Amino acid sequence: MADNCPRLEETADAGLIAGLWQASYRGTAATVWPLVEIAKTLRQPATLALIGGPAGGPAGGFILARQTADEGEILALGTLPQARRQGLALSLVGHLRDHLAARGAGRLFLEVAVDNAAARALYGRCGFAVVGSRPGYYKGAGGLIMALDLSAEREG
């Protein structure tokens, strides 16, 4: 975890995640799930949601993921504009990576829009590599499938 973002907690608070998601993606073409979909997803036993922010401060971001057998998938990640470039997204991805590796996941996947340079750079810093593509998956852009090998996390 980054020192300036030490608070990371598991949550099942659909309202909190919906608010963070809406505020994080405001002004972009990205899809924001409605509250009912977030709540439905959080009720699934394979789902994990983390929120993060400065100690004693408000939540500044979230990550929503699921694990099926030995594979994890990041469903969504968002940080509030005022919480960006402070290590929060790295902390969220790192905590999720460690959590899934401890639960036996061997790989972590995600999909990202080809034209989302900031997200692609973040995931690259986290060790993800492009393993496939999904043309026409996102509005106005294709999607990339990225993966991270978690076996080293279990060994280290």
C-alpha atoms as a PDB file:
ATOM      1  CA  MET A   1       0.000   0.000   0.000  1.00  0.00           C
ATOM      2  CA  ALA A   2       1.153   3.529  -0.669  1.00  0.00           C
ATOM      3  CA  ASP A   3       1.976   5.499   2.500  1.00  0.00           C
ATOM      4  CA  ASN A   4      -0.345   8.333   1.521  1.00  0.00           C
ATOM      5  CA  CYS A   5      -3.294   5.944   1.010  1.00  0.00           C
ATOM      6  CA  PRO A   6      -3.078   3.496   3.905  1.00  0.00           C
ATOM      7  CA  ARG A   7      -6.760   2.723   4.375  1.00  0.00           C
ATOM      8  CA  LEU A   8      -8.038  -0.187   2.283  1.00  0.00           C
ATOM      9  CA  GLU A   9     -11.167  -2.034   3.360  1.00  0.00           C
ATOM     10  CA  GLU A  10     -13.404  -4.702   1.996  1.00  0.00           C
ATOM     11  CA  THR A  11     -16.955  -3.484   1.555  1.00  0.00           C
ATOM     12  CA  ALA A  12     -20.358  -4.598   0.359  1.00  0.00           C
ATOM     13  CA  ASP A  13     -21.754  -1.065   0.368  1.00  0.00           C
ATOM     14  CA  ALA A  14     -23.315  -0.759  -3.084  1.00  0.00           C
ATOM     15  CA  GLY A  15     -24.290   2.863  -2.505  1.00  0.00           C
ATOM     16  CA  LEU A  16     -20.744   3.879  -1.628  1.00  0.00           C
ATOM     17  CA  ILE A  17     -19.317   2.084  -4.655  1.00  0.00           C
ATOM     18  CA  ALA A  18     -21.988   3.531  -6.950  1.00  0.00           C
ATOM     19  CA  GLY A  19     -21.184   7.057  -5.741  1.00  0.00           C
ATOM     20  CA  LEU A  20     -17.443   6.571  -6.166  1.00  0.00           C
ATOM     21  CA  TRP A  21     -17.961   5.033  -9.608  1.00  0.00           C
ATOM     22  CA  GLN A  22     -20.198   7.878 -10.778  1.00  0.00           C
ATOM     23  CA  ALA A  23     -17.809  10.562  -9.518  1.00  0.00           C
ATOM     24  CA  SER A  24     -14.708   8.770 -10.836  1.00  0.00           C
ATOM     25  CA  TYR A  25     -16.069   8.385 -14.359  1.00  0.00           C
ATOM     26  CA  ARG A  26     -17.938  11.711 -14.645  1.00  0.00           C
ATOM     27  CA  GLY A  27     -17.178  13.433 -17.931  1.00  0.00           C
ATOM     28  CA  THR A  28     -15.934  10.281 -19.647  1.00  0.00           C
ATOM     29  CA  ALA A  29     -17.529   7.941 -22.156  1.00  0.00           C
ATOM     30  CA  ALA A  30     -17.013   5.010 -19.781  1.00  0.00           C
ATOM     31  CA  THR A  31     -19.972   2.945 -18.673  1.00  0.00           C
ATOM     32  CA  VAL A  32     -21.086   3.315 -15.068  1.00  0.00           C
ATOM     33  CA  TRP A  33     -23.158   0.463 -13.682  1.00  0.00           C
ATOM     34  CA  PRO A  34     -26.457   1.349 -12.039  1.00  0.00           C
ATOM     35  CA  LEU A  35     -26.815   0.808  -8.291  1.00  0.00           C
ATOM     36  CA  VAL A  36     -29.024  -2.259  -8.777  1.00  0.00           C
ATOM     37  CA  GLU A  37     -26.302  -4.001 -10.863  1.00  0.00           C
ATOM     38  CA  ILE A  38     -23.605  -3.162  -8.342  1.00  0.00           C
ATOM     39  CA  ALA A  39     -25.760  -4.512  -5.494  1.00  0.00           C
ATOM     40  CA  LYS A  40     -26.514  -7.687  -7.454  1.00  0.00           C
ATOM     41  CA  THR A  41     -22.819  -8.225  -8.176  1.00  0.00           C
ATOM     42  CA  LEU A  42     -21.838  -7.661  -4.540  1.00  0.00           C
ATOM     43  CA  ARG A  43     -24.266 -10.365  -3.423  1.00  0.00           C
ATOM     44  CA  GLN A  44     -22.387 -12.962  -5.468  1.00  0.00           C
ATOM     45  CA  PRO A  45     -20.005 -14.941  -3.248  1.00  0.00           C
ATOM     46  CA  ALA A  46     -17.130 -14.700  -5.731  1.00  0.00           C
ATOM     47  CA  THR A  47     -17.163 -10.877  -5.689  1.00  0.00           C
ATOM     48  CA  LEU A  48     -14.685  -8.729  -3.789  1.00  0.00           C
ATOM     49  CA  ALA A  49     -14.934  -4.966  -3.439  1.00  0.00           C
ATOM     50  CA  LEU A  50     -12.269  -2.772  -1.857  1.00  0.00           C
ATOM     51  CA  ILE A  51     -12.377   0.918  -1.100  1.00  0.00           C
ATOM     52  CA  GLY A  52      -9.388   3.032  -0.247  1.00  0.00           C
ATOM     53  CA  GLY A  53      -8.433   6.473   0.888  1.00  0.00           C
ATOM     54  CA  PRO A  54      -6.222   8.369   3.289  1.00  0.00           C
ATOM     55  CA  ALA A  55      -6.243   7.327   6.952  1.00  0.00           C
ATOM     56  CA  GLY A  56      -9.106   9.086   8.684  1.00  0.00           C
ATOM     57  CA  GLY A  57     -10.280  10.564   5.404  1.00  0.00           C
ATOM     58  CA  PRO A  58     -13.091   9.829   3.002  1.00  0.00           C
ATOM     59  CA  ALA A  59     -13.040   7.031   0.462  1.00  0.00           C
ATOM     60  CA  GLY A  60     -11.173   8.082  -2.661  1.00  0.00           C
ATOM     61  CA  GLY A  61     -11.479   5.016  -4.854  1.00  0.00           C
ATOM     62  CA  PHE A  62     -12.704   1.476  -5.318  1.00  0.00           C
ATOM     63  CA  ILE A  63     -11.947  -1.765  -7.079  1.00  0.00           C
ATOM     64  CA  LEU A  64     -14.564  -4.387  -7.866  1.00  0.00           C
ATOM     65  CA  ALA A  65     -13.401  -7.888  -8.779  1.00  0.00           C
ATOM     66  CA  ARG A  66     -14.378 -11.530  -8.730  1.00  0.00           C
ATOM     67  CA  GLN A  67     -12.618 -14.851  -8.460  1.00  0.00           C
ATOM     68  CA  THR A  68     -13.769 -17.988 -10.214  1.00  0.00           C
ATOM     69  CA  ALA A  69     -11.720 -21.107  -9.509  1.00  0.00           C
ATOM     70  CA  ASP A  70      -8.084 -20.048 -10.017  1.00  0.00           C
ATOM     71  CA  GLU A  71      -8.734 -16.871 -12.022  1.00  0.00           C
ATOM     72  CA  GLY A  72      -9.494 -13.359 -10.877  1.00  0.00           C
ATOM     73  CA  GLU A  73     -11.031 -10.568 -12.918  1.00  0.00           C
ATOM     74  CA  ILE A  74     -11.079  -6.840 -12.275  1.00  0.00           C
ATOM     75  CA  LEU A  75     -14.576  -5.651 -13.129  1.00  0.00           C
ATOM     76  CA  ALA A  76     -14.058  -1.949 -12.395  1.00  0.00           C
ATOM     77  CA  LEU A  77     -11.549   0.416 -10.821  1.00  0.00           C
ATOM     78  CA  GLY A  78     -12.061   4.095 -10.161  1.00  0.00           C
ATOM     79  CA  THR A  79     -10.489   6.933  -8.220  1.00  0.00           C
ATOM     80  CA  LEU A  80     -11.925  10.344  -7.560  1.00  0.00           C
ATOM     81  CA  PRO A  81     -10.216  13.139  -9.514  1.00  0.00           C
ATOM     82  CA  GLN A  82      -8.774  14.652  -6.323  1.00  0.00           C
ATOM     83  CA  ALA A  83      -7.325  11.247  -5.295  1.00  0.00           C
ATOM     84  CA  ARG A  84      -5.490  10.543  -8.548  1.00  0.00           C
ATOM     85  CA  ARG A  85      -1.711  10.360  -8.930  1.00  0.00           C
ATOM     86  CA  GLN A  86      -1.292   9.605  -5.218  1.00  0.00           C
ATOM     87  CA  GLY A  87      -0.812   5.845  -5.377  1.00  0.00           C
ATOM     88  CA  LEU A  88      -4.374   4.873  -4.494  1.00  0.00           C
ATOM     89  CA  ALA A  89      -5.096   2.891  -7.665  1.00  0.00           C
ATOM     90  CA  LEU A  90      -1.745   1.099  -7.305  1.00  0.00           C
ATOM     91  CA  SER A  91      -2.654   0.263  -3.694  1.00  0.00           C
ATOM     92  CA  LEU A  92      -6.054  -1.064  -4.680  1.00  0.00           C
ATOM     93  CA  VAL A  93      -4.659  -3.260  -7.457  1.00  0.00           C
ATOM     94  CA  GLY A  94      -1.800  -4.442  -5.237  1.00  0.00           C
ATOM     95  CA  HIS A  95      -4.083  -5.358  -2.355  1.00  0.00           C
ATOM     96  CA  LEU A  96      -6.427  -7.200  -4.712  1.00  0.00           C
ATOM     97  CA  ARG A  97      -3.480  -9.024  -6.303  1.00  0.00           C
ATOM     98  CA  ASP A  98      -2.190 -10.165  -2.906  1.00  0.00           C
ATOM     99  CA  HIS A  99      -5.659 -11.184  -1.721  1.00  0.00           C
ATOM    100  CA  LEU A 100      -6.406 -13.267  -4.824  1.00  0.00           C
ATOM    101  CA  ALA A 101      -2.967 -14.897  -4.809  1.00  0.00           C
ATOM    102  CA  ALA A 102      -3.476 -15.912  -1.172  1.00  0.00           C
ATOM    103  CA  ARG A 103      -6.815 -17.463  -2.190  1.00  0.00           C
ATOM    104  CA  GLY A 104      -5.152 -19.582  -4.884  1.00  0.00           C
ATOM    105  CA  ALA A 105      -5.739 -17.498  -8.012  1.00  0.00           C
ATOM    106  CA  GLY A 106      -3.082 -18.058 -10.643  1.00  0.00           C
ATOM    107  CA  ARG A 107      -3.964 -15.209 -13.010  1.00  0.00           C
ATOM    108  CA  LEU A 108      -5.743 -11.893 -12.808  1.00  0.00           C
ATOM    109  CA  PHE A 109      -7.490 -10.548 -15.909  1.00  0.00           C
ATOM    110  CA  LEU A 110      -9.093  -7.271 -16.927  1.00  0.00           C
ATOM    111  CA  GLU A 111     -10.413  -5.528 -19.999  1.00  0.00           C
ATOM    112  CA  VAL A 112      -9.511  -1.951 -20.832  1.00  0.00           C
ATOM    113  CA  ALA A 113     -10.378   0.360 -23.707  1.00  0.00           C
ATOM    114  CA  VAL A 114      -7.590   0.739 -26.268  1.00  0.00           C
ATOM    115  CA  ASP A 115      -7.843   4.523 -26.007  1.00  0.00           C
ATOM    116  CA  ASN A 116      -7.622   4.642 -22.184  1.00  0.00           C
ATOM    117  CA  ALA A 117      -3.927   5.480 -21.985  1.00  0.00           C
ATOM    118  CA  ALA A 118      -3.962   6.290 -18.257  1.00  0.00           C
ATOM    119  CA  ALA A 119      -5.491   2.930 -17.303  1.00  0.00           C
ATOM    120  CA  ARG A 120      -3.204   1.028 -19.649  1.00  0.00           C
ATOM    121  CA  ALA A 121      -0.169   2.745 -18.107  1.00  0.00           C
ATOM    122  CA  LEU A 122      -1.386   1.953 -14.582  1.00  0.00           C
ATOM    123  CA  TYR A 123      -1.936  -1.710 -15.380  1.00  0.00           C
ATOM    124  CA  GLY A 124       1.442  -1.893 -17.108  1.00  0.00           C
ATOM    125  CA  ARG A 125       3.080  -0.531 -13.941  1.00  0.00           C
ATOM    126  CA  CYS A 126       1.291  -3.275 -12.019  1.00  0.00           C
ATOM    127  CA  GLY A 127       2.813  -5.945 -14.282  1.00  0.00           C
ATOM    128  CA  PHE A 128      -0.162  -6.700 -16.536  1.00  0.00           C
ATOM    129  CA  ALA A 129       0.531  -7.636 -20.159  1.00  0.00           C
ATOM    130  CA  VAL A 130      -1.784  -7.568 -23.170  1.00  0.00           C
ATOM    131  CA  VAL A 131      -2.937 -11.108 -23.991  1.00  0.00           C
ATOM    132  CA  GLY A 132      -5.792 -10.440 -26.428  1.00  0.00           C
ATOM    133  CA  SER A 133      -8.189  -7.941 -27.904  1.00  0.00           C
ATOM    134  CA  ARG A 134     -11.918  -7.390 -28.258  1.00  0.00           C
ATOM    135  CA  PRO A 135     -12.592  -5.199 -31.303  1.00  0.00           C
ATOM    136  CA  GLY A 136     -15.673  -3.010 -30.901  1.00  0.00           C
ATOM    137  CA  TYR A 137     -16.105  -3.947 -27.227  1.00  0.00           C
ATOM    138  CA  TYR A 138     -16.086  -0.357 -25.964  1.00  0.00           C
ATOM    139  CA  LYS A 139     -17.997   2.532 -27.524  1.00  0.00           C
ATOM    140  CA  GLY A 140     -15.696   4.236 -29.990  1.00  0.00           C
ATOM    141  CA  ALA A 141     -12.738   1.968 -29.249  1.00  0.00           C
ATOM    142  CA  GLY A 142     -11.732  -1.626 -29.096  1.00  0.00           C
ATOM    143  CA  GLY A 143     -10.803  -3.374 -25.902  1.00  0.00           C
ATOM    144  CA  LEU A 144      -7.653  -5.080 -24.743  1.00  0.00           C
ATOM    145  CA  ILE A 145      -7.519  -8.109 -22.489  1.00  0.00           C
ATOM    146  CA  MET A 146      -4.669  -7.869 -20.014  1.00  0.00           C
ATOM    147  CA  ALA A 147      -3.425 -10.505 -17.582  1.00  0.00           C
ATOM    148  CA  LEU A 148      -1.105 -10.736 -14.594  1.00  0.00           C
ATOM    149  CA  ASP A 149       0.545 -13.968 -13.441  1.00  0.00           C
ATOM    150  CA  LEU A 150      -0.070 -14.353  -9.706  1.00  0.00           C
ATOM    151  CA  SER A 151       1.996 -17.497  -9.166  1.00  0.00           C
ATOM    152  CA  ALA A 152       5.010 -15.408  -8.109  1.00  0.00           C
ATOM    153  CA  GLU A 153       2.849 -13.787  -5.407  1.00  0.00           C
ATOM    154  CA  ARG A 154       2.148 -17.195  -3.858  1.00  0.00           C
ATOM    155  CA  GLU A 155       5.827 -18.190  -4.039  1.00  0.00           C
ATOM    156  CA  GLY A 156       7.122 -14.867  -2.640  1.00  0.00           C
END
